[in-house]
Amino acid sequence: MKKLRLVLFAATMLTSAAYAGQVSVTWLAPEKYTDIKAAVGTDNVFQDVVTGELGIVFADLAKKLPDDVKWNVTVTDVDLAGEVLHAKGVTGKDVRVIKDVYLPRMSVSYSMVDGKGIKIAEGSDEIKDMTFLMKGPHIASGHTVLKYEEKMLQDWFKNQQRDNKFPTK
């Protein structure tokens, strides 16, 4: 499974590089993230799935950058939408409960350089989406299973471009 995710991510990166900006994502100590816990399965496997899925989201966002831009992102924390609750009862399986009080959050730092190596953006953000359950069925692209986090990142990126913090094509 991990190899498949890496192959898919690499394929996305290669197609992105040909037609858009490039992104490099570093996951800083994901085992210490606030919430990257599996409701079913092991945390290590789930961690690989989450970083792979979010890597795809960052690669999709890089397609909206000019061709010569190189974007470096360091993710320092992830708190997925919902909360894993330990189930009691017949199945005994844990379950991720999605409620508005368990909003998605992510801490990132980033830098961007143009084709000449000139820094065009740099910063850190605490990204969160307090209205993630109010956005209706058009919540994300369907490219990942992390629809709330994907939409949160899409909105953040769009706002960065709108505010001229990130370049547009």
N, C-alpha and C. Protein backbone atom coordinates (compact mmCIF):
# COMPACT_ATOMS: atom_id res chain seq x y z
N MET A 1 0.82 -1.19 0.00
CA MET A 1 0.00 0.00 0.00
C MET A 1 0.86 1.25 0.00
N LYS A 2 1.92 1.25 0.84
CA LYS A 2 2.79 2.41 0.91
C LYS A 2 3.47 2.66 -0.42
N LYS A 3 3.93 1.57 -1.10
CA LYS A 3 4.58 1.73 -2.39
C LYS A 3 3.61 2.29 -3.42
N LEU A 4 2.36 1.84 -3.40
CA LEU A 4 1.36 2.34 -4.34
C LEU A 4 1.15 3.83 -4.12
N ARG A 5 1.02 4.27 -2.90
CA ARG A 5 0.84 5.70 -2.59
C ARG A 5 2.04 6.50 -3.08
N LEU A 6 3.24 5.97 -2.85
CA LEU A 6 4.43 6.68 -3.28
C LEU A 6 4.51 6.77 -4.80
N VAL A 7 4.13 5.71 -5.49
CA VAL A 7 4.13 5.71 -6.95
C VAL A 7 3.11 6.72 -7.47
N LEU A 8 1.90 6.72 -6.88
CA LEU A 8 0.88 7.69 -7.28
C LEU A 8 1.34 9.11 -7.02
N PHE A 9 1.95 9.34 -5.85
CA PHE A 9 2.44 10.67 -5.52
C PHE A 9 3.55 11.09 -6.49
N ALA A 10 4.47 10.18 -6.80
CA ALA A 10 5.56 10.49 -7.74
C ALA A 10 5.00 10.80 -9.13
N ALA A 11 4.02 10.04 -9.56
CA ALA A 11 3.40 10.29 -10.87
C ALA A 11 2.73 11.65 -10.90
N THR A 12 2.06 12.01 -9.82
CA THR A 12 1.44 13.32 -9.73
C THR A 12 2.50 14.41 -9.78
N MET A 13 3.58 14.21 -9.07
CA MET A 13 4.66 15.20 -9.04
C MET A 13 5.26 15.38 -10.43
N LEU A 14 5.46 14.31 -11.17
CA LEU A 14 6.05 14.40 -12.49
C LEU A 14 5.13 15.15 -13.46
N THR A 15 3.85 14.87 -13.42
CA THR A 15 2.94 15.58 -14.31
C THR A 15 2.80 17.03 -13.87
N SER A 16 2.86 17.29 -12.58
CA SER A 16 2.78 18.66 -12.09
C SER A 16 3.98 19.47 -12.55
N ALA A 17 5.15 18.89 -12.50
CA ALA A 17 6.37 19.60 -12.84
C ALA A 17 6.37 20.04 -14.30
N ALA A 18 5.74 19.29 -15.17
CA ALA A 18 5.75 19.61 -16.58
C ALA A 18 4.87 20.81 -16.90
N TYR A 19 3.83 21.05 -16.14
CA TYR A 19 2.86 22.07 -16.47
C TYR A 19 2.63 23.11 -15.40
N ALA A 20 3.36 23.05 -14.30
CA ALA A 20 3.09 23.97 -13.21
C ALA A 20 4.28 24.04 -12.27
N GLY A 21 4.04 24.73 -11.15
CA GLY A 21 5.07 24.80 -10.13
C GLY A 21 5.34 23.43 -9.53
N GLN A 22 6.44 23.35 -8.79
CA GLN A 22 6.83 22.10 -8.15
C GLN A 22 6.72 22.26 -6.65
N VAL A 23 6.37 21.17 -5.96
CA VAL A 23 6.26 21.22 -4.51
C VAL A 23 7.07 20.10 -3.89
N SER A 24 7.67 20.41 -2.77
CA SER A 24 8.37 19.41 -1.95
C SER A 24 7.78 19.52 -0.55
N VAL A 25 7.25 18.40 -0.04
CA VAL A 25 6.61 18.41 1.27
C VAL A 25 7.46 17.60 2.25
N THR A 26 7.76 18.21 3.40
CA THR A 26 8.48 17.54 4.47
C THR A 26 7.53 17.37 5.64
N TRP A 27 7.46 16.15 6.15
CA TRP A 27 6.59 15.85 7.29
C TRP A 27 7.47 15.77 8.52
N LEU A 28 7.44 16.80 9.35
CA LEU A 28 8.31 16.89 10.51
C LEU A 28 7.69 16.14 11.70
N ALA A 29 8.29 15.04 12.10
CA ALA A 29 7.88 14.22 13.25
C ALA A 29 6.38 13.92 13.28
N PRO A 30 5.85 13.25 12.23
CA PRO A 30 4.41 12.98 12.20
C PRO A 30 3.90 12.13 13.36
N GLU A 31 4.77 11.36 13.97
CA GLU A 31 4.34 10.55 15.11
C GLU A 31 3.95 11.43 16.31
N LYS A 32 4.33 12.71 16.28
CA LYS A 32 4.00 13.64 17.37
C LYS A 32 2.83 14.57 17.01
N TYR A 33 2.24 14.39 15.85
CA TYR A 33 1.13 15.25 15.45
C TYR A 33 -0.04 15.09 16.42
N THR A 34 -0.82 16.16 16.55
CA THR A 34 -1.96 16.18 17.47
C THR A 34 -2.92 15.02 17.21
N ASP A 35 -3.32 14.83 15.95
CA ASP A 35 -4.27 13.75 15.64
C ASP A 35 -4.01 13.21 14.25
N ILE A 36 -3.33 12.10 14.22
CA ILE A 36 -3.14 11.36 12.98
C ILE A 36 -3.34 9.88 13.34
N LYS A 37 -4.40 9.67 14.14
CA LYS A 37 -4.68 8.36 14.71
C LYS A 37 -5.68 7.59 13.86
N ALA A 38 -5.45 6.32 13.76
CA ALA A 38 -6.34 5.44 12.98
C ALA A 38 -7.51 4.98 13.83
N ALA A 39 -8.70 5.00 13.23
CA ALA A 39 -9.85 4.41 13.90
C ALA A 39 -9.82 2.90 13.71
N VAL A 40 -9.33 2.46 12.55
CA VAL A 40 -9.20 1.04 12.24
C VAL A 40 -7.79 0.82 11.70
N GLY A 41 -7.14 -0.23 12.11
CA GLY A 41 -5.78 -0.51 11.64
C GLY A 41 -4.74 0.10 12.55
N THR A 42 -3.50 0.12 12.07
CA THR A 42 -2.40 0.64 12.88
C THR A 42 -2.14 2.11 12.57
N ASP A 43 -1.65 2.82 13.55
CA ASP A 43 -1.35 4.24 13.37
C ASP A 43 -0.27 4.46 12.31
N ASN A 44 0.74 3.57 12.25
CA ASN A 44 1.82 3.74 11.27
C ASN A 44 1.30 3.67 9.83
N VAL A 45 0.44 2.71 9.56
CA VAL A 45 -0.13 2.57 8.21
C VAL A 45 -1.01 3.77 7.91
N PHE A 46 -1.83 4.17 8.87
CA PHE A 46 -2.71 5.31 8.68
C PHE A 46 -1.90 6.59 8.46
N GLN A 47 -0.81 6.74 9.18
CA GLN A 47 0.08 7.89 9.02
C GLN A 47 0.60 7.96 7.59
N ASP A 48 0.99 6.82 7.03
CA ASP A 48 1.46 6.77 5.64
C ASP A 48 0.35 7.17 4.67
N VAL A 49 -0.87 6.71 4.95
CA VAL A 49 -2.01 7.06 4.09
C VAL A 49 -2.26 8.56 4.15
N VAL A 50 -2.29 9.12 5.35
CA VAL A 50 -2.57 10.55 5.52
C VAL A 50 -1.50 11.40 4.83
N THR A 51 -0.24 11.09 5.04
CA THR A 51 0.81 11.90 4.41
C THR A 51 0.78 11.74 2.89
N GLY A 52 0.47 10.54 2.41
CA GLY A 52 0.35 10.33 0.97
C GLY A 52 -0.81 11.11 0.37
N GLU A 53 -1.97 11.05 1.04
CA GLU A 53 -3.15 11.76 0.55
C GLU A 53 -2.93 13.28 0.58
N LEU A 54 -2.39 13.79 1.66
CA LEU A 54 -2.14 15.23 1.73
C LEU A 54 -1.04 15.65 0.76
N GLY A 55 -0.09 14.77 0.50
CA GLY A 55 0.92 15.05 -0.52
C GLY A 55 0.29 15.25 -1.88
N ILE A 56 -0.73 14.45 -2.19
CA ILE A 56 -1.45 14.61 -3.45
C ILE A 56 -2.15 15.97 -3.51
N VAL A 57 -2.72 16.39 -2.39
CA VAL A 57 -3.39 17.69 -2.33
C VAL A 57 -2.39 18.81 -2.60
N PHE A 58 -1.22 18.75 -1.95
CA PHE A 58 -0.20 19.79 -2.19
C PHE A 58 0.25 19.78 -3.65
N ALA A 59 0.39 18.60 -4.25
CA ALA A 59 0.78 18.50 -5.66
C ALA A 59 -0.28 19.12 -6.56
N ASP A 60 -1.55 18.89 -6.25
CA ASP A 60 -2.64 19.52 -7.02
C ASP A 60 -2.59 21.04 -6.89
N LEU A 61 -2.32 21.53 -5.70
CA LEU A 61 -2.25 22.98 -5.49
C LEU A 61 -1.08 23.58 -6.27
N ALA A 62 0.03 22.86 -6.35
CA ALA A 62 1.20 23.36 -7.08
C ALA A 62 0.91 23.57 -8.56
N LYS A 63 -0.09 22.87 -9.08
CA LYS A 63 -0.47 23.05 -10.49
C LYS A 63 -1.01 24.44 -10.76
N LYS A 64 -1.39 25.16 -9.71
CA LYS A 64 -1.93 26.51 -9.85
C LYS A 64 -0.86 27.58 -9.76
N LEU A 65 0.39 27.15 -9.61
CA LEU A 65 1.53 28.07 -9.54
C LEU A 65 2.17 28.23 -10.92
N PRO A 66 2.86 29.33 -11.15
CA PRO A 66 3.61 29.47 -12.41
C PRO A 66 4.62 28.34 -12.58
N ASP A 67 4.95 28.04 -13.83
CA ASP A 67 5.79 26.89 -14.17
C ASP A 67 7.13 26.85 -13.47
N ASP A 68 7.74 27.99 -13.23
CA ASP A 68 9.11 27.98 -12.70
C ASP A 68 9.18 28.05 -11.17
N VAL A 69 8.07 28.04 -10.48
CA VAL A 69 8.05 28.20 -9.03
C VAL A 69 8.34 26.87 -8.33
N LYS A 70 9.20 26.94 -7.33
CA LYS A 70 9.49 25.79 -6.47
C LYS A 70 8.98 26.14 -5.07
N TRP A 71 8.09 25.27 -4.57
CA TRP A 71 7.41 25.50 -3.30
C TRP A 71 7.85 24.44 -2.32
N ASN A 72 8.42 24.85 -1.20
CA ASN A 72 8.83 23.94 -0.14
C ASN A 72 7.89 24.11 1.04
N VAL A 73 7.28 23.01 1.47
CA VAL A 73 6.33 23.03 2.58
C VAL A 73 6.84 22.08 3.65
N THR A 74 6.83 22.55 4.88
CA THR A 74 7.12 21.69 6.03
C THR A 74 5.88 21.65 6.90
N VAL A 75 5.34 20.45 7.07
CA VAL A 75 4.16 20.26 7.91
C VAL A 75 4.66 19.91 9.31
N THR A 76 4.27 20.73 10.29
CA THR A 76 4.73 20.51 11.66
C THR A 76 3.66 19.95 12.58
N ASP A 77 2.39 20.01 12.15
CA ASP A 77 1.32 19.39 12.94
C ASP A 77 0.10 19.17 12.07
N VAL A 78 -0.63 18.12 12.37
CA VAL A 78 -1.90 17.80 11.71
C VAL A 78 -2.88 17.38 12.80
N ASP A 79 -4.07 17.93 12.71
CA ASP A 79 -5.18 17.52 13.58
C ASP A 79 -6.36 17.27 12.64
N LEU A 80 -6.60 16.01 12.33
CA LEU A 80 -7.64 15.66 11.37
C LEU A 80 -9.02 16.01 11.89
N ALA A 81 -9.95 16.23 10.95
CA ALA A 81 -11.34 16.46 11.32
C ALA A 81 -11.84 15.24 12.09
N GLY A 82 -12.60 15.49 13.13
CA GLY A 82 -13.14 14.40 13.91
C GLY A 82 -12.24 14.02 15.07
N GLU A 83 -12.71 13.05 15.81
CA GLU A 83 -11.99 12.56 16.97
C GLU A 83 -12.18 11.05 17.03
N VAL A 84 -11.09 10.33 17.28
CA VAL A 84 -11.19 8.88 17.41
C VAL A 84 -11.66 8.56 18.83
N LEU A 85 -12.81 7.91 18.89
CA LEU A 85 -13.36 7.49 20.19
C LEU A 85 -13.25 5.99 20.32
N HIS A 86 -12.91 5.56 21.50
CA HIS A 86 -12.80 4.13 21.76
C HIS A 86 -14.20 3.57 21.97
N ALA A 87 -14.58 2.68 21.08
CA ALA A 87 -15.94 2.12 21.09
C ALA A 87 -16.07 1.04 22.14
N LYS A 88 -17.22 1.01 22.74
CA LYS A 88 -17.57 -0.06 23.67
C LYS A 88 -18.79 -0.73 23.09
N GLY A 89 -18.86 -1.99 23.22
CA GLY A 89 -20.04 -2.67 22.71
C GLY A 89 -19.68 -3.92 21.94
N VAL A 90 -20.55 -4.28 21.02
CA VAL A 90 -20.44 -5.55 20.31
C VAL A 90 -19.16 -5.62 19.47
N THR A 91 -18.90 -4.62 18.64
CA THR A 91 -17.74 -4.70 17.74
C THR A 91 -16.44 -4.38 18.45
N GLY A 92 -16.46 -3.46 19.39
CA GLY A 92 -15.25 -3.09 20.10
C GLY A 92 -14.26 -2.32 19.25
N LYS A 93 -14.68 -1.85 18.06
CA LYS A 93 -13.78 -1.11 17.17
C LYS A 93 -13.86 0.38 17.47
N ASP A 94 -12.73 1.05 17.34
CA ASP A 94 -12.71 2.50 17.49
C ASP A 94 -13.41 3.12 16.29
N VAL A 95 -13.88 4.34 16.47
CA VAL A 95 -14.58 5.03 15.40
C VAL A 95 -14.20 6.52 15.42
N ARG A 96 -14.06 7.10 14.23
CA ARG A 96 -13.79 8.54 14.13
C ARG A 96 -15.13 9.25 14.03
N VAL A 97 -15.41 10.10 15.00
CA VAL A 97 -16.65 10.85 15.06
C VAL A 97 -16.40 12.25 14.51
N ILE A 98 -17.21 12.64 13.54
CA ILE A 98 -17.07 13.97 12.93
C ILE A 98 -18.14 14.88 13.52
N LYS A 99 -17.70 15.92 14.23
CA LYS A 99 -18.56 16.96 14.78
C LYS A 99 -17.86 18.29 14.56
N ASP A 100 -18.66 19.37 14.58
CA ASP A 100 -18.07 20.69 14.31
C ASP A 100 -17.03 21.11 15.34
N VAL A 101 -17.05 20.54 16.53
CA VAL A 101 -16.06 20.89 17.55
C VAL A 101 -14.70 20.25 17.28
N TYR A 102 -14.66 19.25 16.38
CA TYR A 102 -13.41 18.55 16.05
C TYR A 102 -12.95 19.00 14.66
N LEU A 103 -12.63 20.26 14.52
CA LEU A 103 -12.30 20.82 13.21
C LEU A 103 -10.90 20.41 12.74
N PRO A 104 -10.70 20.39 11.42
CA PRO A 104 -9.37 20.07 10.89
C PRO A 104 -8.42 21.26 11.07
N ARG A 105 -7.17 20.95 11.38
CA ARG A 105 -6.13 21.97 11.57
C ARG A 105 -4.81 21.43 11.02
N MET A 106 -3.97 22.37 10.63
CA MET A 106 -2.65 21.97 10.15
C MET A 106 -1.68 23.15 10.37
N SER A 107 -0.49 22.85 10.83
CA SER A 107 0.55 23.87 10.98
C SER A 107 1.60 23.64 9.90
N VAL A 108 1.90 24.69 9.15
CA VAL A 108 2.88 24.58 8.06
C VAL A 108 3.80 25.79 8.06
N SER A 109 4.99 25.56 7.54
CA SER A 109 5.87 26.66 7.16
C SER A 109 6.21 26.41 5.69
N TYR A 110 6.50 27.49 4.97
CA TYR A 110 6.70 27.34 3.53
C TYR A 110 7.65 28.42 3.00
N SER A 111 8.19 28.11 1.84
CA SER A 111 8.94 29.11 1.08
C SER A 111 8.76 28.79 -0.40
N MET A 112 8.84 29.83 -1.21
CA MET A 112 8.73 29.68 -2.66
C MET A 112 9.84 30.49 -3.30
N VAL A 113 10.43 29.90 -4.34
CA VAL A 113 11.42 30.62 -5.14
C VAL A 113 11.01 30.52 -6.61
N ASP A 114 11.40 31.54 -7.36
CA ASP A 114 11.11 31.49 -8.79
C ASP A 114 12.24 30.78 -9.52
N GLY A 115 12.18 30.75 -10.83
CA GLY A 115 13.16 30.04 -11.64
C GLY A 115 14.58 30.58 -11.50
N LYS A 116 14.73 31.81 -11.05
CA LYS A 116 16.05 32.42 -10.85
C LYS A 116 16.57 32.22 -9.43
N GLY A 117 15.76 31.53 -8.60
CA GLY A 117 16.17 31.29 -7.22
C GLY A 117 15.84 32.43 -6.28
N ILE A 118 15.05 33.39 -6.73
CA ILE A 118 14.67 34.53 -5.90
C ILE A 118 13.47 34.15 -5.05
N LYS A 119 13.59 34.39 -3.74
CA LYS A 119 12.50 34.06 -2.82
C LYS A 119 11.31 34.98 -3.10
N ILE A 120 10.15 34.38 -3.34
CA ILE A 120 8.95 35.16 -3.65
C ILE A 120 7.87 35.02 -2.57
N ALA A 121 8.03 34.06 -1.68
CA ALA A 121 7.09 33.89 -0.57
C ALA A 121 7.75 33.08 0.53
N GLU A 122 7.38 33.42 1.76
CA GLU A 122 7.89 32.69 2.91
C GLU A 122 6.98 32.97 4.09
N GLY A 123 6.75 31.95 4.91
CA GLY A 123 5.92 32.18 6.08
C GLY A 123 5.56 30.91 6.80
N SER A 124 4.76 31.09 7.84
CA SER A 124 4.21 29.98 8.62
C SER A 124 2.74 30.28 8.84
N ASP A 125 1.93 29.24 8.83
CA ASP A 125 0.51 29.42 9.06
C ASP A 125 -0.06 28.31 9.91
N GLU A 126 -1.02 28.68 10.72
CA GLU A 126 -1.86 27.74 11.47
C GLU A 126 -3.17 27.71 10.70
N ILE A 127 -3.35 26.69 9.89
CA ILE A 127 -4.51 26.59 9.02
C ILE A 127 -5.61 25.83 9.75
N LYS A 128 -6.82 26.34 9.69
CA LYS A 128 -7.95 25.62 10.28
C LYS A 128 -9.21 26.00 9.53
N ASP A 129 -10.21 25.14 9.64
CA ASP A 129 -11.48 25.39 8.97
C ASP A 129 -12.60 25.17 9.98
N MET A 130 -13.06 26.28 10.56
CA MET A 130 -14.09 26.22 11.60
C MET A 130 -15.48 25.95 11.03
N THR A 131 -15.64 26.09 9.71
CA THR A 131 -16.95 25.88 9.08
C THR A 131 -16.96 24.65 8.18
N PHE A 132 -16.09 23.68 8.46
CA PHE A 132 -15.91 22.54 7.56
C PHE A 132 -17.16 21.70 7.35
N LEU A 133 -18.07 21.70 8.29
CA LEU A 133 -19.29 20.91 8.13
C LEU A 133 -20.42 21.70 7.46
N MET A 134 -20.20 22.97 7.20
CA MET A 134 -21.24 23.83 6.63
C MET A 134 -21.09 24.05 5.13
N LYS A 135 -20.18 23.35 4.50
CA LYS A 135 -19.85 23.65 3.11
C LYS A 135 -20.58 22.80 2.09
N GLY A 136 -21.42 21.90 2.52
CA GLY A 136 -22.24 21.15 1.59
C GLY A 136 -21.51 20.01 0.90
N PRO A 137 -22.20 19.36 -0.04
CA PRO A 137 -21.67 18.15 -0.68
C PRO A 137 -20.50 18.41 -1.63
N HIS A 138 -20.32 19.64 -2.08
CA HIS A 138 -19.22 19.96 -3.00
C HIS A 138 -17.92 20.21 -2.23
N ILE A 139 -17.72 19.48 -1.20
CA ILE A 139 -16.68 19.76 -0.22
C ILE A 139 -15.25 19.63 -0.75
N ALA A 140 -14.99 18.76 -1.68
CA ALA A 140 -13.62 18.58 -2.19
C ALA A 140 -13.66 17.93 -3.57
N SER A 141 -12.50 17.74 -4.13
CA SER A 141 -12.39 17.23 -5.50
C SER A 141 -12.67 15.74 -5.63
N GLY A 142 -12.53 15.01 -4.54
CA GLY A 142 -12.69 13.57 -4.62
C GLY A 142 -11.38 12.85 -4.92
N HIS A 143 -10.28 13.61 -4.99
CA HIS A 143 -8.97 13.00 -5.25
C HIS A 143 -8.42 12.27 -4.04
N THR A 144 -8.91 12.62 -2.85
CA THR A 144 -8.39 12.01 -1.63
C THR A 144 -9.54 11.59 -0.73
N VAL A 145 -9.22 10.79 0.27
CA VAL A 145 -10.23 10.39 1.25
C VAL A 145 -10.34 11.43 2.37
N LEU A 146 -9.44 12.37 2.42
CA LEU A 146 -9.43 13.40 3.47
C LEU A 146 -10.12 14.66 2.96
N LYS A 147 -11.42 14.56 2.74
CA LYS A 147 -12.16 15.63 2.08
C LYS A 147 -12.16 16.94 2.86
N TYR A 148 -12.23 16.88 4.17
CA TYR A 148 -12.26 18.12 4.95
C TYR A 148 -10.90 18.82 4.94
N GLU A 149 -9.84 18.03 5.08
CA GLU A 149 -8.49 18.60 5.06
C GLU A 149 -8.15 19.11 3.67
N GLU A 150 -8.58 18.39 2.63
CA GLU A 150 -8.34 18.82 1.26
C GLU A 150 -9.00 20.18 1.00
N LYS A 151 -10.26 20.29 1.38
CA LYS A 151 -10.99 21.55 1.18
C LYS A 151 -10.35 22.68 1.98
N MET A 152 -9.92 22.39 3.20
CA MET A 152 -9.26 23.39 4.03
C MET A 152 -8.00 23.92 3.34
N LEU A 153 -7.19 23.01 2.80
CA LEU A 153 -5.97 23.43 2.12
C LEU A 153 -6.27 24.18 0.83
N GLN A 154 -7.28 23.74 0.09
CA GLN A 154 -7.67 24.46 -1.14
C GLN A 154 -8.09 25.89 -0.82
N ASP A 155 -8.90 26.06 0.22
CA ASP A 155 -9.35 27.41 0.60
C ASP A 155 -8.18 28.27 1.05
N TRP A 156 -7.29 27.71 1.86
CA TRP A 156 -6.11 28.45 2.33
C TRP A 156 -5.26 28.90 1.15
N PHE A 157 -5.00 27.99 0.21
CA PHE A 157 -4.17 28.30 -0.95
C PHE A 157 -4.83 29.39 -1.81
N LYS A 158 -6.13 29.25 -2.03
CA LYS A 158 -6.87 30.24 -2.82
C LYS A 158 -6.78 31.63 -2.15
N ASN A 159 -6.91 31.67 -0.84
CA ASN A 159 -6.80 32.94 -0.11
C ASN A 159 -5.38 33.51 -0.20
N GLN A 160 -4.37 32.65 -0.16
CA GLN A 160 -2.99 33.11 -0.29
C GLN A 160 -2.78 33.77 -1.66
N GLN A 161 -3.35 33.16 -2.70
CA GLN A 161 -3.23 33.74 -4.05
C GLN A 161 -4.05 35.02 -4.16
N ARG A 162 -5.25 35.01 -3.61
CA ARG A 162 -6.10 36.20 -3.65
C ARG A 162 -5.42 37.39 -2.97
N ASP A 163 -4.72 37.13 -1.86
CA ASP A 163 -4.04 38.18 -1.10
C ASP A 163 -2.64 38.48 -1.64
N ASN A 164 -2.31 37.91 -2.79
CA ASN A 164 -1.01 38.11 -3.46
C ASN A 164 0.18 37.64 -2.63
N LYS A 165 -0.04 36.69 -1.75
CA LYS A 165 1.06 36.08 -1.01
C LYS A 165 1.71 34.97 -1.83
N PHE A 166 0.89 34.29 -2.65
CA PHE A 166 1.38 33.26 -3.56
C PHE A 166 1.13 33.74 -4.99
N PRO A 167 2.06 33.45 -5.89
CA PRO A 167 1.87 33.88 -7.28
C PRO A 167 0.79 33.04 -7.99
N THR A 168 0.21 33.62 -9.02
CA THR A 168 -0.76 32.89 -9.84
C THR A 168 -0.17 32.67 -11.22
N LYS A 169 -0.79 31.75 -11.94
CA LYS A 169 -0.32 31.46 -13.32
C LYS A 169 -0.53 32.65 -14.21
